[in-house]
Amino acid sequence: MTFFFLSVCFICWAVFPAQQAWWGGLVVGTVAGLVNALHLGWKVSQIGANAAARSNRRSTLGYVTRACIGLLAAVIATRTFDFRIEAVAAGLFVAQLVTLLLGFWTMRKRGRTQSQSLDERGENN
């Protein structure tokens, strides 16, 4: 979904040249948000592996690293390409919003399949 959003941003960047600063900012922010989401997923996996191995090693979710990635995206967008900082900030939330929406969709789908399987066995009649 994030790559689909990026492709829409690139198409709009090409079609609407007057708003290149906005679309470029969305692209930079979305890429940084995707890197943040991948980094957070890796850290959660690492914490889970440490917990499964009953390791006493302390792990964090890497907030400082993820904040620095967002700050780096803002600096690159404003100093190098002259993109809009508001668009970069909005793009940082795209991957997290997609993850949240897909999680709700999966929970809803799982709830429907479980209720159908109960009805087929006659437990809810």
Protein backbone atom coordinates (compact mmCIF):
# COMPACT_ATOMS: atom_id res chain seq x y z
CA MET A 1 0.00 0.00 0.00
CA THR A 2 2.85 2.37 0.77
CA PHE A 3 4.46 1.69 -2.60
CA PHE A 4 1.09 2.29 -4.27
CA PHE A 5 0.90 5.64 -2.47
CA LEU A 6 4.44 6.45 -3.61
CA SER A 7 3.55 5.66 -7.22
CA VAL A 8 0.51 7.96 -6.99
CA CYS A 9 2.75 10.70 -5.59
CA PHE A 10 5.23 10.28 -8.45
CA ILE A 11 2.44 10.39 -11.03
CA CYS A 12 0.97 13.52 -9.45
CA TRP A 13 4.46 15.03 -9.31
CA ALA A 14 4.73 14.55 -13.09
CA VAL A 15 1.18 15.65 -13.91
CA PHE A 16 1.03 18.73 -11.65
CA PRO A 17 4.39 20.49 -11.99
CA ALA A 18 3.17 23.56 -10.06
CA GLN A 19 2.95 21.50 -6.85
CA GLN A 20 6.28 19.69 -7.18
CA ALA A 21 7.40 20.94 -3.77
CA TRP A 22 4.38 19.27 -2.10
CA TRP A 23 4.57 15.96 -3.97
CA GLY A 24 8.33 15.73 -3.53
CA GLY A 25 7.95 16.35 0.19
CA LEU A 26 5.36 13.59 0.40
CA VAL A 27 7.72 11.21 -1.40
CA VAL A 28 10.66 11.99 0.88
CA GLY A 29 8.50 11.74 4.00
CA THR A 30 6.87 8.50 2.88
CA VAL A 31 10.21 6.86 2.14
CA ALA A 32 11.52 7.94 5.56
CA GLY A 33 8.34 6.66 7.19
CA LEU A 34 8.73 3.32 5.42
CA VAL A 35 12.32 3.04 6.63
CA ASN A 36 11.08 3.86 10.15
CA ALA A 37 8.38 1.18 9.95
CA LEU A 38 10.87 -1.43 8.71
CA HIS A 39 13.33 -0.49 11.46
CA LEU A 40 10.60 -0.73 14.11
CA GLY A 41 9.54 -4.14 12.77
CA TRP A 42 13.14 -5.35 12.94
CA LYS A 43 13.49 -4.09 16.52
CA VAL A 44 10.24 -5.79 17.60
CA SER A 45 11.46 -9.06 16.05
CA GLN A 46 14.75 -8.70 17.86
CA ILE A 47 13.00 -8.09 21.20
CA GLY A 48 10.76 -11.10 20.59
CA ALA A 49 13.75 -13.31 19.81
CA ASN A 50 15.49 -12.13 22.99
CA ALA A 51 12.37 -12.88 25.03
CA ALA A 52 11.99 -16.33 23.47
CA ALA A 53 15.62 -17.12 24.22
CA ARG A 54 15.09 -15.91 27.82
CA SER A 55 17.96 -13.50 27.38
CA ASN A 56 18.55 -10.85 30.02
CA ARG A 57 19.78 -8.50 27.33
CA ARG A 58 17.85 -5.27 27.39
CA SER A 59 16.52 -3.95 24.06
CA THR A 60 14.74 -0.76 23.13
CA LEU A 61 12.52 0.13 20.18
CA GLY A 62 15.06 2.59 18.80
CA TYR A 63 13.11 5.81 19.18
CA VAL A 64 16.19 8.02 18.84
CA THR A 65 17.17 6.29 15.59
CA ARG A 66 13.67 6.66 14.15
CA ALA A 67 13.52 10.32 15.21
CA CYS A 68 16.86 10.93 13.51
CA ILE A 69 15.58 9.31 10.31
CA GLY A 70 12.63 11.71 10.32
CA LEU A 71 14.91 14.66 11.04
CA LEU A 72 17.25 13.57 8.24
CA ALA A 73 14.31 13.43 5.84
CA ALA A 74 13.29 16.95 6.84
CA VAL A 75 16.82 18.28 6.38
CA ILE A 76 17.24 16.58 3.00
CA ALA A 77 13.86 17.82 1.81
CA THR A 78 14.40 21.44 2.81
CA ARG A 79 18.14 21.95 2.29
CA THR A 80 18.76 19.84 -0.80
CA PHE A 81 15.51 19.85 -2.78
CA ASP A 82 13.50 22.79 -1.38
CA PHE A 83 10.42 20.65 -0.69
CA ARG A 84 7.65 21.59 1.72
CA ILE A 85 8.30 20.54 5.32
CA GLU A 86 4.55 20.09 5.92
CA ALA A 87 4.42 17.47 3.18
CA VAL A 88 7.42 15.67 4.65
CA ALA A 89 5.73 15.57 8.06
CA ALA A 90 2.53 14.19 6.52
CA GLY A 91 4.51 11.59 4.58
CA LEU A 92 6.18 10.33 7.74
CA PHE A 93 2.81 9.02 8.95
CA VAL A 94 1.76 7.18 5.77
CA ALA A 95 3.39 3.80 6.56
CA GLN A 96 2.07 3.80 10.12
CA LEU A 97 -1.43 4.73 8.93
CA VAL A 98 -1.35 1.95 6.32
CA THR A 99 -0.25 -0.53 8.99
CA LEU A 100 -3.08 0.56 11.27
CA LEU A 101 -5.72 0.32 8.52
CA LEU A 102 -4.50 -3.08 7.37
CA GLY A 103 -4.54 -4.30 10.98
CA PHE A 104 -8.18 -3.21 11.40
CA TRP A 105 -9.08 -4.82 8.08
CA THR A 106 -7.42 -8.09 9.11
CA MET A 107 -9.20 -8.13 12.48
CA ARG A 108 -12.54 -7.50 10.79
CA LYS A 109 -11.90 -10.22 8.22
CA ARG A 110 -10.79 -12.68 10.92
CA GLY A 111 -13.92 -11.93 12.96
CA ARG A 112 -16.15 -12.65 9.96
CA THR A 113 -14.46 -15.97 9.17
CA GLN A 114 -14.64 -17.11 12.80
CA SER A 115 -18.34 -16.31 13.07
CA GLN A 116 -19.03 -18.17 9.81
CA SER A 117 -17.14 -21.24 10.98
CA LEU A 118 -19.14 -21.29 14.22
CA ASP A 119 -22.41 -21.06 12.29
CA GLU A 120 -21.45 -23.96 10.03
CA ARG A 121 -21.04 -26.30 12.98
CA GLY A 122 -24.36 -25.24 14.43
CA GLU A 123 -22.97 -23.81 17.66
CA ASN A 124 -24.73 -20.47 17.31
CA ASN A 125 -28.17 -21.84 16.36
